[in-house]
């Protein structure tokens, strides 16, 4: 571990930084603007939209951080990154050290810097918000430090523990599983990760388009885990290829289930069985993981000209922006609440609008209409208004009587939520499951079977990458305590 990291929060070099530039001058610095590709160009390809901060931008942005005595930004981070610590290293130009600070608690900093909703987590707790100013761009800086380490070939320094010889298994290679694997490997455990698909990465590979998260970034993070000794196994369906008993017989003393929630939901309205109506899971998997539409790949996928995407989350934004890149002349988000209630990141909504996506808010599909060949050709939508808030705190949509419109479309992508796949819960006798189909766990993320822990969407039923990673870290700490 480098000297900068060893010295911690009260290090003299950080005290010098705080005194070097008065707080008033720091707070006068405007927040960095992320360089990005031109919308007219980016809809023609899958190149990453956000291009990353330049070094001088990163140093200036890091200078804005006040290094608060009580850094509430850390409280807003599900994996408890030492945010002021890595940012102050950036301010000093110690970019490798900044990456090492990140690696102490995060297995996937380059991923989190791109896809985590910082505006709802760490950045929402930044003291700048109380000053009515834009918060420090923590996500941009996290991405910068992680990218610097990856692109420069610099080695991050993370303390490891000698092998203890204890074997643990991970079911699923998404963010929860990878976070768990990294933490357990650093604790000296021998970790094997089993993935049902042919590529490692879970939702990071099949669910998030490369224009938002390039596969090369995910692969680099996976290589870092391999260097820690994590072993990955593809095309292995736990509950089919291998059973729970098989894993025990192979010598695994603990199992972390992080199989996600990949079972799509539909709305149960007429016409959902028409050709041209599909889930966002299928659509994005065909394109992101199976190469549909790219040279050298035979995976088929419908390329609609008038595409409606149903939903208002990040997956809906990924789907509609992908449709534009697949040649859609008209791509529409259909959402039953107003734009203010959309759960998607503000940045993703902004990018979608730049790329020509239409937003049909306060509308809810009630029927899909097919042509003589059984293909969807139109959609009937019910106009809505907002009523009282529901359990989520958002105002409930209420139908406006008689306000139904018919819209011509030739493809529908449904993105209204996901459910856990029942394969693993159903295949393990004695494993308690909730009425939502998720695995029931206690505060330590331990299931009703002492050797099995679970986290991420298989427990939450659908959440963010960083919350899943937080579960992975928590489960690793709990299992390690039980096994050592």
Protein backbone atom coordinates (compact mmCIF):
# COMPACT_ATOMS: atom_id res chain seq x y z
CA UNK A 1 0.00 0.00 0.00
CA UNK A 2 1.37 3.45 -0.87
CA UNK A 3 2.35 6.03 1.71
CA UNK A 4 -0.48 8.32 0.65
CA UNK A 5 -3.06 5.65 1.43
CA UNK A 6 -1.41 4.60 4.68
CA UNK A 7 -1.60 8.11 6.09
CA UNK A 8 -5.42 8.18 6.02
CA UNK A 9 -7.84 11.01 6.69
CA UNK A 10 -5.65 13.12 8.96
CA UNK A 11 -2.55 12.95 6.79
CA UNK A 12 -0.45 16.10 6.78
CA UNK A 13 -0.48 16.29 2.99
CA UNK A 14 -4.27 16.49 3.01
CA UNK A 15 -4.20 19.16 5.70
CA UNK A 16 -1.84 21.17 3.51
CA UNK A 17 -4.26 20.82 0.60
CA UNK A 18 -7.14 22.10 2.70
CA UNK A 19 -5.13 25.15 3.71
CA UNK A 20 -3.56 25.78 0.32
CA UNK A 21 -6.75 27.05 -1.33
CA UNK A 22 -9.40 28.78 0.83
CA UNK A 23 -12.83 27.14 0.86
CA UNK A 24 -14.37 30.24 -0.70
CA UNK A 25 -12.14 29.86 -3.75
CA UNK A 26 -12.89 26.14 -4.00
CA UNK A 27 -16.63 26.66 -3.93
CA UNK A 28 -16.38 29.25 -6.71
CA UNK A 29 -15.01 26.67 -9.16
CA UNK A 30 -17.77 25.48 -11.54
CA UNK A 31 -18.48 21.75 -11.78
CA UNK A 32 -16.69 19.96 -14.63
CA UNK A 33 -18.65 19.23 -17.78
CA UNK A 34 -18.30 15.73 -19.19
CA UNK A 35 -17.02 15.69 -22.80
CA UNK A 36 -19.34 13.62 -24.97
CA UNK A 37 -19.84 12.52 -28.56
CA UNK A 38 -22.07 14.53 -30.88
CA UNK A 39 -25.63 13.10 -30.90
CA UNK A 40 -25.79 12.96 -34.72
CA UNK A 41 -22.71 10.76 -34.78
CA UNK A 42 -23.34 8.58 -31.77
CA UNK A 43 -26.69 7.22 -32.99
CA UNK A 44 -24.78 5.68 -35.90
CA UNK A 45 -22.58 3.51 -33.69
CA UNK A 46 -22.07 1.99 -30.25
CA UNK A 47 -19.14 4.20 -29.25
CA UNK A 48 -19.25 5.35 -25.64
CA UNK A 49 -21.15 8.62 -25.34
CA UNK A 50 -19.34 10.06 -22.32
CA UNK A 51 -15.65 10.47 -23.15
CA UNK A 52 -14.23 10.96 -19.66
CA UNK A 53 -12.54 13.94 -18.01
CA UNK A 54 -9.11 15.10 -19.12
CA UNK A 55 -6.42 15.09 -16.43
CA UNK A 56 -6.54 18.86 -15.96
CA UNK A 57 -10.34 18.75 -15.67
CA UNK A 58 -10.11 16.01 -13.06
CA UNK A 59 -7.55 17.89 -10.96
CA UNK A 60 -9.66 21.06 -11.06
CA UNK A 61 -12.83 19.16 -10.15
CA UNK A 62 -11.02 17.39 -7.32
CA UNK A 63 -9.93 20.78 -6.00
CA UNK A 64 -13.61 21.61 -5.39
CA UNK A 65 -13.81 18.89 -2.71
CA UNK A 66 -13.72 20.48 0.75
CA UNK A 67 -12.58 17.24 2.45
CA UNK A 68 -15.27 17.67 5.09
CA UNK A 69 -14.50 16.61 8.69
CA UNK A 70 -17.63 14.41 8.49
CA UNK A 71 -17.80 13.24 4.85
CA UNK A 72 -21.48 12.47 4.41
CA UNK A 73 -20.76 11.47 0.81
CA UNK A 74 -19.31 8.20 2.17
CA UNK A 75 -22.57 7.53 3.99
CA UNK A 76 -24.37 7.79 0.66
CA UNK A 77 -22.12 5.16 -0.97
CA UNK A 78 -23.40 1.58 -0.61
CA UNK A 79 -19.82 0.23 -0.69
CA UNK A 80 -18.41 2.97 1.59
CA UNK A 81 -15.61 4.19 -0.66
CA UNK A 82 -13.22 6.68 0.97
CA UNK A 83 -14.44 9.38 -1.39
CA UNK A 84 -12.44 12.35 -0.05
CA UNK A 85 -9.36 10.11 0.09
CA UNK A 86 -9.37 9.17 -3.59
CA UNK A 87 -10.40 12.68 -4.65
CA UNK A 88 -7.57 14.38 -2.73
CA UNK A 89 -5.11 11.99 -4.37
CA UNK A 90 -6.43 13.16 -7.75
CA UNK A 91 -6.01 16.78 -6.71
CA UNK A 92 -2.35 16.06 -5.95
CA UNK A 93 -1.87 14.27 -9.26
CA UNK A 94 -1.48 10.93 -7.48
CA UNK A 95 -3.78 9.15 -9.93
CA UNK A 96 -2.47 5.64 -9.23
CA UNK A 97 -2.97 6.15 -5.51
CA UNK A 98 -6.51 7.37 -6.16
CA UNK A 99 -7.26 4.13 -7.99
CA UNK A 100 -5.77 2.13 -5.13
CA UNK A 101 -8.05 3.88 -2.63
CA UNK A 102 -11.04 2.94 -4.79
CA UNK A 103 -9.90 -0.68 -5.03
CA UNK A 104 -9.84 -0.99 -1.25
CA UNK A 105 -13.65 -1.18 -1.22
CA UNK A 106 -14.86 -1.43 -4.83
CA UNK A 107 -14.25 -4.33 -7.20
CA UNK A 108 -15.65 -2.36 -10.16
CA UNK A 109 -14.79 1.36 -9.92
CA UNK A 110 -14.63 1.90 -13.70
CA UNK A 111 -18.10 0.40 -13.96
CA UNK A 112 -19.57 2.34 -11.03
CA UNK A 113 -18.11 5.59 -12.29
CA UNK A 114 -20.19 5.10 -15.43
CA UNK A 115 -23.50 3.57 -14.45
CA UNK A 116 -24.15 4.26 -10.75
CA UNK A 117 -26.79 6.89 -9.90
CA UNK A 118 -24.38 9.12 -7.99
CA UNK A 119 -26.92 11.95 -8.06
CA UNK A 120 -29.15 9.85 -5.78
CA UNK A 121 -26.36 8.48 -3.61
CA UNK A 122 -22.93 9.96 -2.80
CA UNK A 123 -23.42 13.22 -4.68
CA UNK A 124 -26.81 13.75 -3.05
CA UNK A 125 -25.01 13.92 0.31
CA UNK A 126 -22.33 16.39 -0.84
CA UNK A 127 -22.18 19.55 1.29
CA UNK A 128 -22.41 21.65 -1.89
CA UNK A 129 -26.12 20.80 -2.04
CA UNK A 130 -26.66 22.77 1.18
CA UNK A 131 -24.94 25.72 -0.50
CA UNK A 132 -27.36 25.45 -3.46
CA UNK A 133 -24.41 24.59 -5.68
CA UNK A 134 -23.72 21.61 -7.92
CA UNK A 135 -22.10 18.76 -5.97
CA UNK A 136 -18.59 17.52 -6.59
CA UNK A 137 -18.65 15.22 -9.65
CA UNK A 138 -17.74 12.11 -7.65
CA UNK A 139 -18.79 9.70 -10.39
CA UNK A 140 -16.74 11.49 -13.05
CA UNK A 141 -13.68 11.41 -10.78
CA UNK A 142 -14.17 7.75 -9.90
CA UNK A 143 -14.26 6.91 -13.60
CA UNK A 144 -11.18 9.05 -14.25
CA UNK A 145 -9.05 7.33 -11.60
CA UNK A 146 -10.14 3.83 -12.62
CA UNK A 147 -9.61 4.58 -16.32
CA UNK A 148 -6.19 6.04 -15.64
CA UNK A 149 -5.12 2.85 -13.90
CA UNK A 150 -6.50 0.68 -16.72
CA UNK A 151 -5.18 2.69 -19.66
CA UNK A 152 -1.76 3.45 -18.17
CA UNK A 153 -1.15 -0.12 -17.04
CA UNK A 154 -0.38 1.11 -13.54
CA UNK A 155 -0.77 -1.44 -10.76
CA UNK A 156 -3.13 -0.62 -7.95
CA UNK A 157 -1.99 -1.62 -4.47
CA UNK A 158 -4.47 -3.63 -2.44
CA UNK A 159 -3.56 -5.57 0.66
CA UNK A 160 -4.15 -9.30 0.30
CA UNK A 161 -4.35 -12.05 2.86
CA UNK A 162 -2.48 -15.34 2.39
CA UNK A 163 -4.71 -18.18 1.20
CA UNK A 164 -6.68 -19.87 3.95
CA UNK A 165 -7.58 -22.81 1.71
CA UNK A 166 -11.33 -22.40 2.21
CA UNK A 167 -13.38 -22.71 -1.00
CA UNK A 168 -16.50 -20.62 -1.63
CA UNK A 169 -18.78 -20.57 -4.66
CA UNK A 170 -20.60 -17.69 -6.30
CA UNK A 171 -23.72 -18.20 -8.40
CA UNK A 172 -23.91 -15.45 -11.02
CA UNK A 173 -21.25 -13.05 -12.32
CA UNK A 174 -23.16 -9.79 -12.12
CA UNK A 175 -22.18 -6.87 -9.85
CA UNK A 176 -23.21 -8.57 -6.58
CA UNK A 177 -21.30 -11.75 -7.40
CA UNK A 178 -18.20 -9.92 -8.60
CA UNK A 179 -18.12 -7.65 -5.56
CA UNK A 180 -18.43 -10.65 -3.25
CA UNK A 181 -15.75 -12.56 -5.17
CA UNK A 182 -13.26 -9.70 -4.94
CA UNK A 183 -13.73 -9.20 -1.22
CA UNK A 184 -13.47 -12.91 -0.44
CA UNK A 185 -10.36 -13.35 -2.61
CA UNK A 186 -8.68 -10.47 -0.79
CA UNK A 187 -9.51 -12.23 2.46
CA UNK A 188 -7.64 -15.32 1.32
CA UNK A 189 -10.56 -17.51 0.19
CA UNK A 190 -10.47 -19.62 -2.97
CA UNK A 191 -13.37 -18.30 -5.05
CA UNK A 192 -15.14 -19.95 -7.99
CA UNK A 193 -17.82 -18.02 -9.89
CA UNK A 194 -20.41 -19.94 -11.92
CA UNK A 195 -22.20 -18.13 -14.76
CA UNK A 196 -25.11 -19.57 -16.74
CA UNK A 197 -24.33 -17.59 -19.90
CA UNK A 198 -21.35 -17.92 -22.21
CA UNK A 199 -19.75 -14.67 -21.05
CA UNK A 200 -18.84 -13.39 -17.60
CA UNK A 201 -20.38 -10.11 -16.42
CA UNK A 202 -24.08 -10.76 -15.99
CA UNK A 203 -26.23 -7.68 -16.48
CA UNK A 204 -23.08 -5.62 -17.08
CA UNK A 205 -22.68 -7.48 -20.38
CA UNK A 206 -26.20 -8.43 -21.48
CA UNK A 207 -28.18 -5.54 -20.04
CA UNK A 208 -26.13 -2.36 -20.41
CA UNK A 209 -25.25 -1.19 -23.96
CA UNK A 210 -21.66 -0.45 -24.90
CA UNK A 211 -22.47 3.19 -25.59
CA UNK A 212 -22.92 3.47 -21.84
CA UNK A 213 -20.55 0.75 -20.56
CA UNK A 214 -18.00 -0.68 -23.03
CA UNK A 215 -17.30 -4.40 -22.73
CA UNK A 216 -13.58 -3.63 -22.67
CA UNK A 217 -14.08 -1.81 -19.36
CA UNK A 218 -15.93 -4.76 -17.84
CA UNK A 219 -13.30 -7.20 -19.15
CA UNK A 220 -10.51 -5.17 -17.56
CA UNK A 221 -12.27 -5.30 -14.18
CA UNK A 222 -12.71 -9.06 -14.59
CA UNK A 223 -9.00 -9.45 -15.33
CA UNK A 224 -8.24 -7.69 -12.05
CA UNK A 225 -10.34 -10.26 -10.22
CA UNK A 226 -8.57 -13.10 -12.02
CA UNK A 227 -5.25 -11.68 -10.80
CA UNK A 228 -6.64 -12.00 -7.28
CA UNK A 229 -7.18 -15.69 -7.94
CA UNK A 230 -10.91 -15.72 -8.75
CA UNK A 231 -11.84 -18.59 -11.11
CA UNK A 232 -14.72 -18.14 -13.56
CA UNK A 233 -16.86 -20.90 -15.10
CA UNK A 234 -19.29 -20.15 -17.95
CA UNK A 235 -22.22 -22.17 -19.34
CA UNK A 236 -22.96 -23.55 -15.88
CA UNK A 237 -26.56 -23.36 -14.69
CA UNK A 238 -26.75 -23.96 -10.97
CA UNK A 239 -29.86 -26.01 -10.38
CA UNK A 240 -29.40 -27.81 -13.72
CA UNK A 241 -25.74 -28.28 -14.71
CA UNK A 242 -24.71 -28.50 -11.07
CA UNK A 243 -26.92 -28.92 -8.02
CA UNK A 244 -26.50 -27.48 -4.55
CA UNK A 245 -25.37 -30.92 -3.37
CA UNK A 246 -22.82 -31.04 -6.19
CA UNK A 247 -21.28 -27.80 -4.95
CA UNK A 248 -21.04 -29.16 -1.40
CA UNK A 249 -19.44 -32.37 -2.68
CA UNK A 250 -16.90 -30.27 -4.60
CA UNK A 251 -15.72 -28.86 -1.29
CA UNK A 252 -17.38 -25.44 -1.22
CA UNK A 253 -18.07 -24.44 2.38
CA UNK A 254 -20.07 -21.33 1.52
CA UNK A 255 -22.27 -20.33 -1.42
CA UNK A 256 -23.29 -16.82 -2.39
CA UNK A 257 -26.32 -16.68 -4.68
CA UNK A 258 -26.25 -13.59 -6.90
CA UNK A 259 -28.27 -14.82 -9.85
CA UNK A 260 -30.10 -11.53 -10.37
CA UNK A 261 -33.62 -10.95 -11.59
CA UNK A 262 -33.67 -11.75 -15.27
CA UNK A 263 -37.26 -12.89 -15.65
CA UNK A 264 -39.14 -10.18 -17.61
CA UNK A 265 -42.57 -8.90 -16.65
CA UNK A 266 -45.35 -7.99 -19.04
CA UNK A 267 -48.51 -5.97 -18.46
CA UNK A 268 -51.09 -8.63 -19.31
CA UNK A 269 -52.87 -6.53 -21.95
CA UNK A 270 -54.34 -7.73 -25.29
CA UNK A 271 -51.85 -8.17 -28.11
CA UNK A 272 -48.73 -8.93 -26.08
CA UNK A 273 -48.37 -12.20 -27.96
CA UNK A 274 -48.09 -10.46 -31.34
CA UNK A 275 -44.89 -10.70 -33.34
CA UNK A 276 -42.83 -7.58 -32.71
CA UNK A 277 -43.65 -7.33 -29.00
CA UNK A 278 -40.74 -8.36 -26.79
CA UNK A 279 -39.18 -7.69 -23.41
CA UNK A 280 -36.26 -5.33 -22.93
CA UNK A 281 -34.30 -8.30 -21.51
CA UNK A 282 -34.60 -10.22 -24.78
CA UNK A 283 -33.99 -7.18 -26.95
CA UNK A 284 -30.87 -6.01 -25.13
CA UNK A 285 -29.45 -9.52 -24.69
CA UNK A 286 -29.76 -10.26 -28.40
CA UNK A 287 -27.92 -7.06 -29.28
CA UNK A 288 -25.46 -6.57 -26.39
CA UNK A 289 -24.44 -10.16 -25.71
CA UNK A 290 -25.24 -12.00 -28.93
CA UNK A 291 -24.17 -9.37 -31.46
CA UNK A 292 -27.47 -8.97 -33.32
CA UNK A 293 -27.14 -6.40 -36.08
CA UNK A 294 -23.34 -6.48 -36.10
CA UNK A 295 -21.17 -7.86 -38.92
CA UNK A 296 -20.18 -11.48 -38.40
CA UNK A 297 -23.10 -12.29 -36.09
CA UNK A 298 -26.16 -14.29 -37.16
CA UNK A 299 -28.40 -13.51 -34.17
CA UNK A 300 -31.72 -12.18 -35.50
CA UNK A 301 -33.46 -9.15 -34.07
CA UNK A 302 -36.35 -7.09 -35.37
CA UNK A 303 -35.36 -3.61 -36.53
CA UNK A 304 -38.49 -1.54 -36.25
CA UNK A 305 -38.94 1.84 -37.89
CA UNK A 306 -41.54 3.08 -35.38
CA UNK A 307 -40.55 1.69 -31.98
CA UNK A 308 -42.36 2.14 -28.67
CA UNK A 309 -40.53 1.36 -25.43
CA UNK A 310 -42.83 0.95 -22.44
CA UNK A 311 -41.36 2.15 -19.13
CA UNK A 312 -39.34 4.96 -17.60
CA UNK A 313 -36.31 3.33 -15.98
CA UNK A 314 -32.70 3.08 -17.07
CA UNK A 315 -33.39 -0.16 -18.93
CA UNK A 316 -36.12 1.58 -20.91
CA UNK A 317 -33.64 4.35 -21.81
CA UNK A 318 -31.05 1.76 -22.83
CA UNK A 319 -33.64 0.05 -25.02
CA UNK A 320 -34.96 3.15 -26.76
CA UNK A 321 -31.48 4.53 -27.40
CA UNK A 322 -30.44 1.14 -28.76
CA UNK A 323 -33.47 1.20 -31.08
CA UNK A 324 -32.26 4.50 -32.52
CA UNK A 325 -28.87 2.93 -33.18
CA UNK A 326 -30.61 -0.03 -34.83
CA UNK A 327 -32.20 2.31 -37.36
CA UNK A 328 -35.52 3.35 -35.79
CA UNK A 329 -36.80 6.52 -37.46
CA UNK A 330 -39.19 7.15 -34.60
CA UNK A 331 -38.39 5.89 -31.10
CA UNK A 332 -40.85 6.69 -28.31
CA UNK A 333 -40.77 6.29 -24.54
CA UNK A 334 -44.30 5.57 -23.29
CA UNK A 335 -44.57 6.15 -19.55
CA UNK A 336 -47.68 6.28 -17.40
CA UNK A 337 -46.43 8.99 -15.06
CA UNK A 338 -44.85 12.37 -15.80
CA UNK A 339 -41.18 12.84 -16.60
CA UNK A 340 -40.56 14.08 -13.04
CA UNK A 341 -41.51 10.65 -11.69
CA UNK A 342 -39.24 8.71 -14.04
CA UNK A 343 -36.77 6.49 -12.15
CA UNK A 344 -34.21 6.75 -14.97
CA UNK A 345 -31.10 8.85 -14.41
CA UNK A 346 -31.48 12.46 -15.50
CA UNK A 347 -28.36 12.10 -17.65
CA UNK A 348 -29.86 9.14 -19.53
CA UNK A 349 -33.09 11.04 -20.19
CA UNK A 350 -31.07 14.01 -21.42
CA UNK A 351 -28.98 11.83 -23.74
CA UNK A 352 -32.11 10.14 -25.10
CA UNK A 353 -33.66 13.49 -25.96
CA UNK A 354 -30.45 14.62 -27.67
CA UNK A 355 -30.63 11.48 -29.79
CA UNK A 356 -34.13 12.24 -31.02
CA UNK A 357 -36.18 10.05 -28.68
CA UNK A 358 -39.78 11.19 -28.16
CA UNK A 359 -41.36 11.11 -24.70
CA UNK A 360 -45.03 10.22 -24.47
CA UNK A 361 -45.61 10.67 -20.75
CA UNK A 362 -48.88 10.27 -18.83
CA UNK A 363 -49.80 7.50 -21.26
CA UNK A 364 -50.38 3.81 -20.59
CA UNK A 365 -50.71 1.10 -23.27
CA UNK A 366 -54.01 -0.78 -23.06
CA UNK A 367 -53.83 -2.86 -26.25
CA UNK A 368 -51.51 -3.78 -29.11
CA UNK A 369 -53.12 -4.24 -32.52
CA UNK A 370 -51.85 -6.69 -35.13
CA UNK A 371 -52.03 -6.82 -38.91
CA UNK A 372 -53.18 -9.75 -41.05
CA UNK A 373 -49.82 -11.48 -40.53
CA UNK A 374 -50.01 -11.30 -36.74
CA UNK A 375 -47.44 -8.53 -36.45
CA UNK A 376 -47.94 -5.52 -34.22
CA UNK A 377 -48.89 -2.45 -36.25
CA UNK A 378 -50.51 -0.10 -33.75
CA UNK A 379 -50.91 0.61 -30.06
CA UNK A 380 -53.86 2.01 -28.10
CA UNK A 381 -52.79 4.22 -25.21
CA UNK A 382 -54.84 5.52 -22.32
CA UNK A 383 -54.15 9.12 -21.35
CA UNK A 384 -53.47 9.56 -17.63
CA UNK A 385 -53.34 12.23 -14.95
CA UNK A 386 -51.50 12.19 -11.65
CA UNK A 387 -53.41 11.45 -8.47
CA UNK A 388 -52.22 10.98 -4.89
CA UNK A 389 -48.78 9.53 -4.05
CA UNK A 390 -48.53 5.74 -3.77
CA UNK A 391 -46.27 3.61 -1.54
CA UNK A 392 -43.21 4.60 -3.60
CA UNK A 393 -43.85 8.28 -2.87
CA UNK A 394 -44.63 9.01 -6.51
CA UNK A 395 -48.04 10.30 -7.55
CA UNK A 396 -50.25 7.51 -8.86
CA UNK A 397 -51.43 7.64 -12.49
CA UNK A 398 -55.20 7.80 -12.93
CA UNK A 399 -56.94 7.12 -16.25
CA UNK A 400 -58.74 10.03 -17.94
CA UNK A 401 -62.09 8.64 -19.00
CA UNK A 402 -62.54 8.42 -22.76
CA UNK A 403 -59.01 9.65 -23.55
CA UNK A 404 -57.61 6.81 -25.66
CA UNK A 405 -55.36 7.36 -28.67
CA UNK A 406 -54.11 4.96 -31.36
CA UNK A 407 -50.45 5.19 -32.37
CA UNK A 408 -48.88 3.49 -35.40
CA UNK A 409 -45.89 1.38 -34.35
CA UNK A 410 -44.17 -1.74 -35.71
CA UNK A 411 -42.17 -2.80 -32.65
CA UNK A 412 -42.83 -2.74 -28.90
CA UNK A 413 -40.18 -3.25 -26.22
CA UNK A 414 -41.66 -3.78 -22.76
CA UNK A 415 -39.52 -2.54 -19.86
CA UNK A 416 -41.82 -2.52 -16.84
CA UNK A 417 -39.73 -4.54 -14.41
CA UNK A 418 -38.20 -7.94 -13.78
CA UNK A 419 -38.64 -10.84 -11.39
CA UNK A 420 -36.15 -13.36 -9.99
CA UNK A 421 -35.77 -16.57 -11.96
CA UNK A 422 -37.25 -19.32 -9.78
CA UNK A 423 -34.74 -21.97 -10.91
CA UNK A 424 -32.32 -21.68 -7.99
CA UNK A 425 -34.89 -21.12 -5.21
CA UNK A 426 -36.96 -24.03 -6.50
CA UNK A 427 -33.98 -26.37 -6.82
CA UNK A 428 -32.76 -26.13 -3.22
CA UNK A 429 -34.94 -27.88 -0.66
CA UNK A 430 -35.44 -25.90 2.54
CA UNK A 431 -34.51 -22.52 1.08
CA UNK A 432 -37.02 -19.91 2.25
CA UNK A 433 -38.45 -17.67 -0.45
CA UNK A 434 -40.60 -14.54 -0.11
CA UNK A 435 -43.99 -14.07 -1.78
CA UNK A 436 -42.16 -12.04 -4.46
CA UNK A 437 -40.01 -15.03 -5.37
CA UNK A 438 -36.86 -13.53 -3.84
CA UNK A 439 -34.59 -15.43 -1.46
CA UNK A 440 -35.33 -14.57 2.17
CA UNK A 441 -32.23 -13.47 4.10
CA UNK A 442 -31.43 -12.00 7.50
CA UNK A 443 -29.48 -8.81 8.20
CA UNK A 444 -26.23 -10.64 7.49
CA UNK A 445 -27.66 -11.76 4.11
CA UNK A 446 -27.71 -15.38 5.30
CA UNK A 447 -30.56 -17.55 4.04
CA UNK A 448 -32.51 -20.23 5.89
CA UNK A 449 -29.70 -22.63 4.90
CA UNK A 450 -26.56 -21.69 6.90
CA UNK A 451 -24.12 -22.30 4.02
CA UNK A 452 -26.07 -20.11 1.59
CA UNK A 453 -25.97 -16.32 1.48
CA UNK A 454 -27.67 -14.19 -1.16
CA UNK A 455 -27.68 -10.60 -2.39
CA UNK A 456 -28.42 -8.29 -5.28
CA UNK A 457 -31.59 -8.57 -7.34
CA UNK A 458 -32.31 -12.16 -6.26
CA UNK A 459 -32.96 -10.59 -2.83
CA UNK A 460 -34.01 -7.06 -3.76
CA UNK A 461 -36.07 -7.94 -6.82
CA UNK A 462 -34.49 -5.26 -9.01
CA UNK A 463 -32.09 -2.48 -8.02
CA UNK A 464 -28.93 -0.65 -9.07
CA UNK A 465 -25.43 -1.96 -9.75
CA UNK A 466 -23.99 -0.24 -6.69
CA UNK A 467 -26.67 -1.57 -4.32
CA UNK A 468 -25.94 -5.07 -5.59
CA UNK A 469 -22.24 -4.47 -5.01
CA UNK A 470 -23.00 -3.30 -1.49
CA UNK A 471 -24.80 -6.58 -0.87
CA UNK A 472 -21.79 -8.48 -2.17
CA UNK A 473 -19.46 -6.72 0.25
CA UNK A 474 -21.82 -7.22 3.18
CA UNK A 475 -22.32 -10.91 2.42
CA UNK A 476 -18.55 -11.40 2.08
CA UNK A 477 -17.93 -9.88 5.51
CA UNK A 478 -20.69 -12.02 7.04
CA UNK A 479 -19.61 -15.30 5.43
CA UNK A 480 -15.93 -14.70 6.20
CA UNK A 481 -16.77 -14.14 9.86
CA UNK A 482 -18.77 -17.38 9.94
CA UNK A 483 -16.11 -19.51 8.19
CA UNK A 484 -12.94 -18.28 9.84
